[in-house]
Protein backbone atom coordinates (compact mmCIF):
# COMPACT_ATOMS: atom_id res chain seq x y z
CA UNK A 1 74.32 7.28 167.48
CA UNK A 2 75.16 5.53 170.73
CA UNK A 3 74.77 1.98 171.96
CA UNK A 4 73.00 1.27 175.23
CA UNK A 5 73.11 -1.98 177.20
CA UNK A 6 69.73 -3.21 178.46
CA UNK A 7 71.22 -5.32 181.28
CA UNK A 8 69.59 -3.32 184.08
CA UNK A 9 66.13 -3.87 182.53
CA UNK A 10 66.62 -7.65 182.47
CA UNK A 11 67.93 -7.65 186.04
CA UNK A 12 64.96 -5.65 187.31
CA UNK A 13 62.47 -7.94 185.53
CA UNK A 14 64.00 -10.99 187.20
CA UNK A 15 64.67 -9.31 190.56
CA UNK A 16 68.42 -9.93 190.35
CA UNK A 17 71.15 -8.00 192.11
CA UNK A 18 74.39 -6.96 190.47
CA UNK A 19 76.31 -9.30 192.77
CA UNK A 20 74.08 -12.26 191.89
CA UNK A 21 74.57 -11.71 188.15
CA UNK A 22 78.32 -11.31 188.63
CA UNK A 23 78.56 -14.52 190.66
CA UNK A 24 76.37 -16.53 188.29
CA UNK A 25 78.13 -15.38 185.11
CA UNK A 26 81.69 -15.23 186.39
CA UNK A 27 81.93 -11.59 185.30
CA UNK A 28 83.41 -9.11 187.73
CA UNK A 29 81.05 -7.03 189.87
CA UNK A 30 82.82 -3.98 188.43
CA UNK A 31 81.74 -4.89 184.90
CA UNK A 32 78.14 -5.57 185.92
CA UNK A 33 77.98 -2.43 188.05
CA UNK A 34 79.44 -0.31 185.27
CA UNK A 35 76.87 -1.53 182.74
CA UNK A 36 74.07 -0.81 185.21
CA UNK A 37 75.28 2.65 186.26
CA UNK A 38 76.32 3.79 182.80
CA UNK A 39 74.55 1.69 180.17
CA UNK A 40 75.96 3.67 177.22
CA UNK A 41 78.86 1.60 175.93
CA UNK A 42 81.75 2.63 173.71
CA UNK A 43 82.67 -0.93 172.79
CA UNK A 44 81.07 -4.30 173.21
CA UNK A 45 83.23 -6.95 174.83
CA UNK A 46 82.43 -10.27 173.15
CA UNK A 47 83.12 -12.35 176.28
CA UNK A 48 80.84 -10.18 178.42
CA UNK A 49 78.09 -10.14 175.80
CA UNK A 50 78.24 -13.92 175.34
CA UNK A 51 77.95 -14.60 179.07
CA UNK A 52 75.04 -12.19 179.49
CA UNK A 53 73.23 -13.51 176.42
CA UNK A 54 73.54 -17.06 177.76
CA UNK A 55 72.56 -16.09 181.31
CA UNK A 56 69.38 -14.29 180.28
CA UNK A 57 68.67 -16.78 177.45
CA UNK A 58 68.83 -14.05 174.80
CA UNK A 59 69.33 -14.87 171.14
CA UNK A 60 71.03 -11.85 169.55
CA UNK A 61 73.05 -8.79 170.47
CA UNK A 62 69.97 -6.73 169.62
CA UNK A 63 68.28 -8.30 172.63
CA UNK A 64 71.00 -6.98 174.94
CA UNK A 65 72.07 -3.76 173.21
CA UNK A 66 70.17 -1.05 171.38
CA UNK A 67 71.29 1.71 169.06
CA UNK A 68 69.73 5.03 169.92
CA UNK A 69 69.92 8.61 168.78
CA UNK A 70 72.65 10.29 170.85
CA UNK A 71 70.29 13.19 171.64
CA UNK A 72 68.04 10.89 173.67
CA UNK A 73 70.89 9.09 175.48
């Protein structure tokens, strides 16, 4: 099992750039870029998750992250 961040999907739906999300959330462009380029995460940073959940008006971690079979990752 692996965990994948769905950040890029939300950004594409809203037409947002990585820089815009970084500026608006206060997260570093490196963090946002990393989650977009390599959405499979080894650990979930609570601060990052909280800021992204608030920014995209998401309710739970399940809205931002998904558990998937590692064979399809």
